Amino acid sequence: MTAPKYHLTSYGCQMNKLDSELVESRLRQRGYVAAASETDADVVLINTCSVRQHAEDRVWSKLGKLRIRKRGEPQLVVGVLGCMAQEHKRYLVSRMPHVDLVVGPSAFGDIDDTVEKARAKNQQLATGRDPARTKHEVVGAGVVAVDQGVSGDLIRRDVRVRPHRSQAFVSVMRGCNMPCTYCIVPTTRGDEVSRPIADIVEEAQRLCDDGVTEITLLGQTVNAYGRDLTGQGATLARLLRELHGIPALRRLAFITSHPNFLSAELVDAIAELPKVARYLHLPAQSGSNPVLKAMRRGYTVERYLARIEQLRQKAPDVELHSDFIVGYPGETAADFDQTVAFLRTVGFAQSYVFKYSPRPGTIAAELPDDVPDAEKERRNAVLLAAQEELTLAKNRALVGTTAEVLVEGDSKVAGRFSGRTAHHRLVHFAATDRELFGQYVPVRVTEALAHSCVGELLAHDAAQEGRADPAEAQRA
């Protein structure tokens, strides 16, 4: 019998990418194989994101195309997973009859069972048989799984299922308890639930035994890790120290952090543990106190600056990354100018900039969306240009220095590979030996680009002569 084929498309954050790995793990254990393309698949799954409208629009467009395809292939199974499944489950069930599965983020642990039921049902429909259950009931089973399924974190992960042999994401917590007015995550992913330290260390050890050397810990507010583990003394700082002891592990990162939880204990861990990556993703969202208050972020510009000053005193080589939202309801031109000034003051190495879009079910969605789209576009472009200027200056300062690069794969430019430094700096270099994938190699930076660097691969013996310490090179 030919093994059934699946195709999984994932939108959104790193948490979604990890969730997709867990889904694939369950399906492969059930005997499914990955299809070469979506058109070859018996099962098409879409792991969705509700954080921004653009991501949702892409899903609706894809579902429209799948509706047409399914008319000629009634046995095809179509599934919507993740945050949109949680947020729009009623609409998906009642208005999209070609969708067979609607499974939220908490129900991936038994996704293989749900897919099997849908396949059996659709095969009966395709042969003209009268199945025992209606299609709506199969979909209904998926909807029940949104709230009653088994979380992906509660199943034993198949560590072999991951896109990169040397890199892996590890979820340390689910959900979020923060009251940010613009964010749908608490609705779609629920309250904070942290995993015990022992479980995380055990999973990390299995990953490292299978060839992983770089682990990124994931959480919606990852530095709030452990708050719900009463009496266990679990904090992100303690977790980092435990994981640091795994011999095969060479790099350890964590995303995404909240400024309110950048504690002195965590700063000390970052400063003292050499395996911890030398960048910190600490979204500011705005550089205006009135906007931060309206967003219910829980800190001021001054408090943010004080926190990062404490970090820089202990770990001056750590670079900062941020997120910003422009055009939030009520944001004035003066508010935006303060954000541009704030970005320059901090000197972020990288920032993601997003135009505000109302998310149904959030507090901000009840406010007038009073910044015109054209002005949002302008502010988005201005802030991106300011960040690009900062990044280019930092990249130019690296020309002539040498850094250790973890090779991730092919660059978009033929004949080049790409990888990242401990500071998450993207570096491209000419190479052809694919055995380098997953290896740490010395690269001398020769050219600075707006978003990355270009360098030359050094031989090991040549690299040792006058080689700059990677952290020192990045501080140059």
Protein backbone atom coordinates (compact mmCIF):
# COMPACT_ATOMS: atom_id res chain seq x y z
CA MET A 1 0.00 0.00 0.00
CA THR A 2 1.30 3.45 -0.90
CA ALA A 3 1.96 5.63 2.12
CA PRO A 4 -0.32 8.68 2.32
CA LYS A 5 1.37 12.00 1.59
CA TYR A 6 0.98 15.25 3.48
CA HIS A 7 1.96 18.84 2.77
CA LEU A 8 2.17 21.36 5.58
CA THR A 9 2.45 25.13 5.13
CA SER A 10 3.30 27.20 8.19
CA TYR A 11 2.73 30.93 8.65
CA GLY A 12 3.80 33.18 11.48
CA CYS A 13 6.26 32.99 14.32
CA GLN A 14 8.89 30.49 15.40
CA MET A 15 6.34 28.92 17.74
CA ASN A 16 4.24 28.04 14.71
CA LYS A 17 7.27 26.52 13.00
CA LEU A 18 7.90 24.34 16.03
CA ASP A 19 4.21 23.38 16.19
CA SER A 20 4.49 22.30 12.56
CA GLU A 21 7.44 20.09 13.44
CA LEU A 22 5.34 18.44 16.17
CA VAL A 23 2.50 17.86 13.70
CA GLU A 24 4.89 16.35 11.17
CA SER A 25 6.35 14.16 13.89
CA ARG A 26 2.92 12.69 14.67
CA LEU A 27 2.09 12.10 11.02
CA ARG A 28 5.40 10.41 10.24
CA GLN A 29 5.04 8.14 13.22
CA ARG A 30 1.67 7.19 11.73
CA GLY A 31 3.27 6.25 8.40
CA TYR A 32 2.71 9.45 6.42
CA VAL A 33 5.43 10.83 4.17
CA ALA A 34 6.07 14.41 3.10
CA ALA A 35 4.82 15.21 -0.41
CA ALA A 36 7.22 16.77 -2.91
CA SER A 37 4.67 19.53 -3.48
CA GLU A 38 1.20 20.55 -2.35
CA THR A 39 -0.36 19.20 -5.56
CA ASP A 40 1.02 15.71 -4.80
CA ALA A 41 -0.41 15.60 -1.28
CA ASP A 42 -3.35 13.55 -0.04
CA VAL A 43 -3.55 15.78 3.03
CA VAL A 44 -2.98 19.54 2.87
CA LEU A 45 -2.54 21.27 6.22
CA ILE A 46 -2.14 25.00 6.88
CA ASN A 47 -0.71 26.08 10.23
CA THR A 48 -1.97 29.61 10.66
CA CYS A 49 -1.24 32.89 12.44
CA SER A 50 -3.74 35.51 13.64
CA VAL A 51 -1.34 38.15 14.91
CA ARG A 52 -1.57 40.30 11.76
CA GLN A 53 -4.15 40.68 9.03
CA HIS A 54 -1.68 40.01 6.23
CA ALA A 55 -1.00 36.50 7.50
CA GLU A 56 -4.73 35.76 7.68
CA ASP A 57 -5.31 37.13 4.17
CA ARG A 58 -2.76 34.67 2.77
CA VAL A 59 -4.59 31.77 4.43
CA TRP A 60 -8.00 32.82 3.10
CA SER A 61 -6.50 33.07 -0.38
CA LYS A 62 -4.98 29.59 -0.14
CA LEU A 63 -8.23 28.11 1.13
CA GLY A 64 -10.04 29.61 -1.86
CA LYS A 65 -7.68 27.80 -4.22
CA LEU A 66 -8.05 24.55 -2.30
CA ARG A 67 -11.84 24.81 -2.58
CA ILE A 68 -11.48 24.72 -6.37
CA ARG A 69 -9.04 21.80 -6.26
CA LYS A 70 -11.26 19.75 -3.99
CA ARG A 71 -14.14 19.85 -6.45
CA GLY A 72 -12.12 17.49 -8.63
CA GLU A 73 -10.49 15.61 -5.74
CA PRO A 74 -13.17 14.96 -3.11
CA GLN A 75 -10.85 12.56 -1.27
CA LEU A 76 -8.40 15.39 -0.53
CA VAL A 77 -8.17 16.30 3.15
CA VAL A 78 -7.84 20.02 3.93
CA GLY A 79 -6.98 21.13 7.45
CA VAL A 80 -6.65 24.51 9.14
CA LEU A 81 -4.44 24.42 12.23
CA GLY A 82 -3.21 26.93 14.77
CA CYS A 83 -4.38 30.36 15.82
CA MET A 84 -6.87 31.00 13.01
CA ALA A 85 -8.47 27.63 13.72
CA GLN A 86 -8.97 28.78 17.30
CA GLU A 87 -10.19 32.27 16.43
CA HIS A 88 -12.36 31.51 13.38
CA LYS A 89 -13.51 27.95 14.09
CA ARG A 90 -17.23 28.75 13.78
CA TYR A 91 -16.79 30.44 10.41
CA LEU A 92 -14.52 27.68 9.10
CA VAL A 93 -17.01 24.99 10.09
CA SER A 94 -20.16 26.73 8.89
CA ARG A 95 -18.95 28.54 5.76
CA MET A 96 -16.14 26.41 4.36
CA PRO A 97 -17.41 22.90 3.74
CA HIS A 98 -14.21 21.91 1.91
CA VAL A 99 -12.27 22.24 5.19
CA ASP A 100 -12.17 18.90 6.99
CA LEU A 101 -10.07 19.70 10.06
CA VAL A 102 -10.08 22.71 12.35
CA VAL A 103 -7.50 22.16 15.09
CA GLY A 104 -6.20 24.79 17.51
CA PRO A 105 -2.70 25.11 19.01
CA SER A 106 -3.51 23.02 22.08
CA ALA A 107 -4.66 19.96 20.15
CA PHE A 108 -1.73 18.83 18.02
CA GLY A 109 -0.93 15.81 20.20
CA ASP A 110 -3.58 13.63 18.51
CA ILE A 111 -3.57 15.30 15.09
CA ASP A 112 -2.75 11.97 13.42
CA ASP A 113 -5.98 10.43 14.72
CA THR A 114 -7.99 13.40 13.49
CA VAL A 115 -6.40 13.26 10.04
CA GLU A 116 -7.06 9.53 9.79
CA LYS A 117 -10.76 10.01 10.53
CA ALA A 118 -11.04 12.72 7.89
CA ARG A 119 -9.21 10.59 5.28
CA ALA A 120 -11.49 7.63 5.90
CA LYS A 121 -14.55 9.85 5.61
CA ASN A 122 -13.42 11.53 2.37
CA GLN A 123 -12.47 8.24 0.76
CA GLN A 124 -15.99 6.97 1.42
CA LEU A 125 -17.46 10.12 -0.10
CA ALA A 126 -15.24 9.82 -3.17
CA THR A 127 -16.44 6.26 -3.83
CA GLY A 128 -20.09 7.21 -3.42
CA ARG A 129 -20.56 5.23 -0.22
CA ASP A 130 -22.85 6.54 2.50
CA PRO A 131 -20.53 6.96 5.49
CA ALA A 132 -21.72 6.50 9.03
CA ARG A 133 -20.89 10.08 9.96
CA THR A 134 -21.52 13.27 8.08
CA LYS A 135 -18.68 15.47 6.94
CA HIS A 136 -19.78 18.18 9.33
CA GLU A 137 -19.37 15.75 12.23
CA VAL A 138 -15.81 14.97 11.16
CA VAL A 139 -15.10 18.67 11.11
CA GLY A 140 -16.86 18.91 14.45
CA ALA A 141 -14.47 16.38 15.91
CA GLY A 142 -11.65 18.66 14.85
CA VAL A 143 -13.34 21.64 16.48
CA VAL A 144 -13.75 19.72 19.73
CA ALA A 145 -10.01 18.99 19.52
CA VAL A 146 -9.35 22.72 19.59
CA ASP A 147 -10.25 22.77 23.26
CA GLN A 148 -9.86 19.14 24.33
CA GLY A 149 -6.84 17.84 22.49
CA VAL A 150 -3.40 16.99 23.80
CA SER A 151 -0.85 19.81 23.70
CA GLY A 152 2.19 19.21 21.54
CA ASP A 153 4.36 19.85 24.59
CA LEU A 154 2.73 16.92 26.42
CA ILE A 155 3.83 14.32 23.88
CA ARG A 156 7.32 12.89 23.52
CA ARG A 157 8.90 14.72 20.63
CA ASP A 158 10.49 12.85 17.75
CA VAL A 159 13.74 14.80 17.67
CA ARG A 160 14.57 13.55 14.17
CA VAL A 161 11.83 15.70 12.64
CA ARG A 162 13.35 19.15 12.15
CA PRO A 163 14.45 21.16 9.11
CA HIS A 164 18.06 21.72 10.19
CA ARG A 165 20.26 18.99 11.61
CA SER A 166 22.33 21.31 13.81
CA GLN A 167 19.55 23.67 14.95
CA ALA A 168 16.33 23.21 16.88
CA PHE A 169 13.55 25.15 18.57
CA VAL A 170 12.38 24.03 22.01
CA SER A 171 9.14 25.30 23.50
CA VAL A 172 9.55 26.12 27.21
CA MET A 173 6.09 27.59 27.76
CA ARG A 174 2.77 28.20 26.07
CA GLY A 175 0.35 31.10 26.22
CA CYS A 176 0.68 34.61 27.60
CA ASN A 177 -0.73 36.52 30.57
CA MET A 178 0.23 40.00 29.41
CA PRO A 179 -2.56 42.55 28.77
CA CYS A 180 -1.22 44.16 25.56
CA THR A 181 -4.23 45.74 23.88
CA TYR A 182 -3.30 44.89 20.29
CA CYS A 183 -2.44 41.21 20.72
CA ILE A 184 -4.65 38.21 20.02
CA VAL A 185 -2.21 35.63 21.42
CA PRO A 186 -3.80 35.29 24.90
CA THR A 187 -7.09 34.50 23.16
CA THR A 188 -5.71 31.96 20.71
CA ARG A 189 -3.03 30.34 22.89
CA GLY A 190 -4.42 30.80 26.38
CA ASP A 191 -2.72 31.51 29.71
CA GLU A 192 0.94 30.91 30.49
CA VAL A 193 1.84 27.28 31.07
CA SER A 194 5.51 26.51 31.70
CA ARG A 195 7.15 23.13 31.25
CA PRO A 196 9.23 21.72 34.10
CA ILE A 197 12.97 22.30 33.78
CA ALA A 198 13.71 18.57 33.84
CA ASP A 199 11.44 17.94 30.83
CA ILE A 200 13.08 20.70 28.82
CA VAL A 201 16.60 19.53 29.65
CA GLU A 202 15.68 15.95 28.72
CA GLU A 203 14.36 17.06 25.33
CA ALA A 204 17.39 19.26 24.71
CA GLN A 205 19.72 16.40 25.55
CA ARG A 206 17.98 14.11 23.06
CA LEU A 207 18.26 16.81 20.40
CA CYS A 208 21.95 17.26 21.07
CA ASP A 209 22.46 13.49 20.97
CA ASP A 210 20.95 13.63 17.48
CA GLY A 211 23.36 16.30 16.24
CA VAL A 212 21.89 19.61 17.41
CA THR A 213 24.42 22.20 18.55
CA GLU A 214 22.23 25.34 18.63
CA ILE A 215 18.94 25.51 20.53
CA THR A 216 16.51 28.43 20.62
CA LEU A 217 14.05 28.43 23.51
CA LEU A 218 10.58 29.64 22.59
CA GLY A 219 7.83 31.35 24.55
CA GLN A 220 5.36 34.12 23.85
CA THR A 221 6.99 35.96 26.78
CA VAL A 222 9.90 33.64 27.28
CA ASN A 223 11.64 35.50 30.11
CA ALA A 224 8.46 35.18 32.18
CA TYR A 225 9.12 31.42 32.15
CA GLY A 226 8.37 29.62 35.41
CA ARG A 227 5.96 32.08 37.01
CA ASP A 228 3.25 29.42 37.10
CA LEU A 229 5.53 26.68 38.47
CA THR A 230 4.88 27.59 42.08
CA GLY A 231 7.50 26.47 44.57
CA GLN A 232 9.84 24.99 41.95
CA GLY A 233 12.26 27.90 41.69
CA ALA A 234 11.97 27.77 37.91
CA THR A 235 13.25 30.84 36.09
CA LEU A 236 14.69 31.36 32.64
CA ALA A 237 18.08 32.14 34.20
CA ARG A 238 18.11 28.83 36.05
CA LEU A 239 16.99 27.00 32.91
CA LEU A 240 19.81 28.57 30.88
CA ARG A 241 22.34 27.42 33.47
CA GLU A 242 20.98 23.86 33.40
CA LEU A 243 21.07 23.68 29.60
CA HIS A 244 24.51 25.26 29.48
CA GLY A 245 25.89 22.09 31.02
CA ILE A 246 25.06 19.91 27.99
CA PRO A 247 28.51 19.30 26.45
CA ALA A 248 27.43 19.09 22.79
CA LEU A 249 25.47 22.34 22.95
CA ARG A 250 27.41 25.31 21.55
CA ARG A 251 24.80 28.05 21.24
CA LEU A 252 21.71 28.80 23.29
CA ALA A 253 19.22 31.56 22.45
CA PHE A 254 15.73 32.52 23.60
CA ILE A 255 12.85 34.52 22.13
CA THR A 256 10.69 36.56 22.62
CA SER A 257 11.37 38.55 25.80
CA HIS A 258 9.38 41.28 27.53
CA PRO A 259 11.17 44.30 29.04
CA ASN A 260 9.37 43.85 32.38
CA PHE A 261 11.03 40.47 32.96
CA LEU A 262 14.63 41.38 32.17
CA SER A 263 15.67 40.61 35.74
CA ALA A 264 19.08 41.03 37.36
CA GLU A 265 19.28 37.23 37.63
CA LEU A 266 18.74 36.86 33.88
CA VAL A 267 21.23 39.61 33.07
CA ASP A 268 23.84 37.78 35.17
CA ALA A 269 23.16 34.52 33.34
CA ILE A 270 23.52 36.19 29.94
CA ALA A 271 26.78 37.80 31.03
CA GLU A 272 28.27 34.71 32.64
CA LEU A 273 27.32 31.91 30.24
CA PRO A 274 29.47 31.89 27.07
CA LYS A 275 27.12 29.59 25.16
CA VAL A 276 24.23 32.06 25.43
CA ALA A 277 23.80 33.94 22.14
CA ARG A 278 25.01 37.52 22.13
CA TYR A 279 21.74 39.09 21.05
CA LEU A 280 18.50 39.76 22.87
CA HIS A 281 15.13 40.20 21.18
CA LEU A 282 13.42 42.71 23.48
CA PRO A 283 10.46 44.29 21.64
CA ALA A 284 9.83 47.91 22.56
CA GLN A 285 6.80 48.39 20.25
CA SER A 286 6.96 52.19 20.60
CA GLY A 287 9.26 54.96 21.79
CA SER A 288 6.39 57.12 23.05
CA ASN A 289 5.17 56.87 26.63
CA PRO A 290 1.54 57.78 25.77
CA VAL A 291 1.45 55.04 23.14
CA LEU A 292 3.09 52.50 25.45
CA LYS A 293 0.47 53.34 28.09
CA ALA A 294 -2.34 52.95 25.57
CA MET A 295 -0.88 49.60 24.52
CA ARG A 296 -0.74 48.51 28.21
CA ARG A 297 2.87 47.45 27.83
CA GLY A 298 3.58 48.10 31.51
CA TYR A 299 6.77 50.14 31.17
CA THR A 300 7.94 53.56 30.06
CA VAL A 301 10.71 54.55 27.67
CA GLU A 302 12.82 55.51 30.68
CA ARG A 303 12.32 52.12 32.32
CA TYR A 304 13.23 50.32 29.10
CA LEU A 305 16.42 52.35 28.77
CA ALA A 306 17.32 51.68 32.41
CA ARG A 307 16.90 47.94 31.93
CA ILE A 308 19.14 47.78 28.88
CA GLU A 309 21.74 49.96 30.60
CA GLN A 310 21.93 47.31 33.33
CA LEU A 311 22.37 44.69 30.63
CA ARG A 312 25.09 46.63 28.84
CA GLN A 313 27.01 47.15 32.07
CA LYS A 314 27.22 43.40 32.62
CA ALA A 315 27.23 42.16 28.99
CA PRO A 316 28.38 45.00 26.71
CA ASP A 317 28.78 42.69 23.70
CA VAL A 318 25.07 41.77 23.58
CA GLU A 319 23.18 43.41 20.72
CA LEU A 320 19.52 44.31 20.90
CA HIS A 321 16.72 43.44 18.50
CA SER A 322 13.23 44.92 18.66
CA ASP A 323 9.71 44.99 17.25
CA PHE A 324 7.76 48.18 16.56
CA ILE A 325 4.14 48.89 15.67
CA VAL A 326 3.45 52.09 13.75
CA GLY A 327 0.05 53.71 13.34
CA TYR A 328 -1.44 52.42 16.59
CA PRO A 329 -4.76 54.18 17.34
CA GLY A 330 -4.08 57.66 18.63
CA GLU A 331 -0.39 57.69 17.64
CA THR A 332 0.43 61.27 16.67
CA ALA A 333 3.23 62.53 14.45
CA ALA A 334 5.05 63.60 17.60
CA ASP A 335 4.66 60.10 19.09
CA PHE A 336 6.15 58.61 15.97
CA ASP A 337 9.07 61.06 15.95
CA GLN A 338 9.83 59.97 19.51
CA THR A 339 9.89 56.36 18.34
CA VAL A 340 12.42 57.18 15.61
CA ALA A 341 14.58 59.01 18.14
CA PHE A 342 14.27 56.12 20.60
CA LEU A 343 15.36 53.60 17.96
CA ARG A 344 18.47 55.67 17.24
CA THR A 345 19.22 56.20 20.93
CA VAL A 346 19.20 52.49 21.69
CA GLY A 347 21.04 51.62 18.47
CA PHE A 348 19.19 48.39 17.73
CA ALA A 349 21.04 45.92 15.54
CA GLN A 350 17.78 44.75 13.99
CA SER A 351 14.09 45.66 14.19
CA TYR A 352 10.89 44.30 12.74
CA VAL A 353 8.43 47.07 11.92
CA PHE A 354 4.72 46.43 11.45
CA LYS A 355 1.80 48.60 10.45
CA TYR A 356 -0.98 48.36 13.00
CA SER A 357 -3.99 46.32 11.93
CA PRO A 358 -7.01 45.76 14.23
CA ARG A 359 -7.37 42.19 15.49
CA PRO A 360 -10.95 41.18 16.33
CA GLY A 361 -11.32 40.32 19.99
CA THR A 362 -8.60 42.66 21.21
CA ILE A 363 -9.11 45.83 23.23
CA ALA A 364 -7.49 47.96 20.54
CA ALA A 365 -10.00 46.72 17.96
CA GLU A 366 -12.65 48.74 19.80
CA LEU A 367 -10.68 51.95 19.26
CA PRO A 368 -10.94 54.17 16.16
CA ASP A 369 -8.28 53.11 13.65
CA ASP A 370 -7.53 56.78 13.10
CA VAL A 371 -4.11 56.76 11.42
CA PRO A 372 -4.66 56.75 7.64
CA ASP A 373 -3.17 53.85 5.69
CA ALA A 374 -0.95 56.20 3.69
CA GLU A 375 0.48 57.63 6.89
CA LYS A 376 1.05 54.13 8.28
CA GLU A 377 2.96 53.31 5.10
CA ARG A 378 5.07 56.45 5.47
CA ARG A 379 5.89 55.79 9.12
CA ASN A 380 6.71 52.18 8.35
CA ALA A 381 9.13 53.25 5.61
CA VAL A 382 10.77 55.96 7.74
CA LEU A 383 11.37 53.63 10.70
CA LEU A 384 12.68 50.84 8.47
CA ALA A 385 15.06 53.30 6.80
CA ALA A 386 16.34 54.47 10.18
CA GLN A 387 16.93 50.87 11.27
CA GLU A 388 18.62 50.04 7.97
CA GLU A 389 21.02 52.93 8.51
CA LEU A 390 21.93 51.60 11.95
CA THR A 391 22.35 48.04 10.72
CA LEU A 392 24.52 49.06 7.80
CA ALA A 393 26.81 51.07 10.09
CA LYS A 394 27.19 48.07 12.41
CA ASN A 395 27.92 45.80 9.45
CA ARG A 396 30.53 48.19 8.08
CA ALA A 397 32.31 48.16 11.43
CA LEU A 398 32.80 44.41 11.01
CA VAL A 399 34.70 44.60 7.71
CA GLY A 400 38.15 43.09 8.26
CA THR A 401 37.17 41.15 11.39
CA THR A 402 36.68 37.41 11.69
CA ALA A 403 33.66 35.72 13.20
CA GLU A 404 32.55 32.16 13.85
CA VAL A 405 29.61 31.33 11.59
CA LEU A 406 27.20 28.42 11.92
CA VAL A 407 26.55 27.39 8.31
CA GLU A 408 22.81 27.06 7.71
CA GLY A 409 22.59 26.34 3.98
CA ASP A 410 22.61 27.84 0.52
CA SER A 411 22.51 31.59 0.06
CA LYS A 412 20.10 33.17 -2.42
CA VAL A 413 23.18 33.95 -4.50
CA ALA A 414 24.46 30.93 -6.43
CA GLY A 415 27.81 29.62 -5.26
CA ARG A 416 27.42 31.00 -1.75
CA PHE A 417 26.46 29.58 1.62
CA SER A 418 24.87 31.52 4.47
CA GLY A 419 25.13 31.30 8.21
CA ARG A 420 24.86 33.33 11.38
CA THR A 421 27.22 34.54 14.04
CA ALA A 422 26.61 34.34 17.77
CA HIS A 423 25.09 37.83 17.40
CA HIS A 424 22.59 36.50 14.84
CA ARG A 425 24.37 38.44 12.10
CA LEU A 426 23.71 36.92 8.67
CA VAL A 427 26.91 36.26 6.69
CA HIS A 428 27.26 34.99 3.09
CA PHE A 429 30.44 33.47 1.74
CA ALA A 430 31.61 31.57 -1.33
CA ALA A 431 31.76 27.79 -0.81
CA THR A 432 30.75 24.55 -2.52
CA ASP A 433 31.37 21.79 0.06
CA ARG A 434 27.93 20.96 1.43
CA GLU A 435 29.58 19.03 4.25
CA LEU A 436 29.96 22.46 5.84
CA PHE A 437 26.21 22.65 6.52
CA GLY A 438 25.75 22.57 10.27
CA GLN A 439 29.43 23.28 10.94
CA TYR A 440 31.02 26.28 12.67
CA VAL A 441 33.53 27.96 10.40
CA PRO A 442 35.69 31.12 10.56
CA VAL A 443 34.71 33.80 8.06
CA ARG A 444 36.48 37.11 7.50
CA VAL A 445 34.01 39.89 6.71
CA THR A 446 34.90 41.68 3.46
CA GLU A 447 31.74 43.61 2.59
CA ALA A 448 28.82 45.18 4.45
CA LEU A 449 25.27 45.10 3.08
CA ALA A 450 22.12 46.67 4.45
CA HIS A 451 20.87 43.48 6.09
CA SER A 452 23.85 41.12 6.05
CA CYS A 453 27.58 40.77 5.49
CA VAL A 454 29.68 39.08 2.83
CA GLY A 455 32.90 37.33 3.77
CA GLU A 456 35.53 34.80 2.82
CA LEU A 457 35.86 31.38 4.34
CA LEU A 458 39.17 30.91 6.14
CA ALA A 459 41.12 27.70 6.44
CA HIS A 460 41.35 26.51 10.02
CA ASP A 461 45.08 27.12 10.41
CA ALA A 462 44.89 30.54 8.75
CA ALA A 463 42.02 31.50 10.97
CA GLN A 464 44.06 31.01 14.12
CA GLU A 465 46.60 33.65 13.13
CA GLY A 466 45.39 37.02 14.37
CA ARG A 467 41.83 35.74 14.68
CA ALA A 468 39.58 38.15 16.53
CA ASP A 469 37.43 36.86 19.32
CA PRO A 470 33.88 36.66 17.86
CA ALA A 471 32.44 38.84 20.61
CA GLU A 472 35.21 41.38 20.29
CA ALA A 473 34.81 41.42 16.51
CA GLN A 474 31.14 42.25 16.88
CA ARG A 475 31.92 45.05 19.34
CA ALA A 476 34.30 46.68 16.87
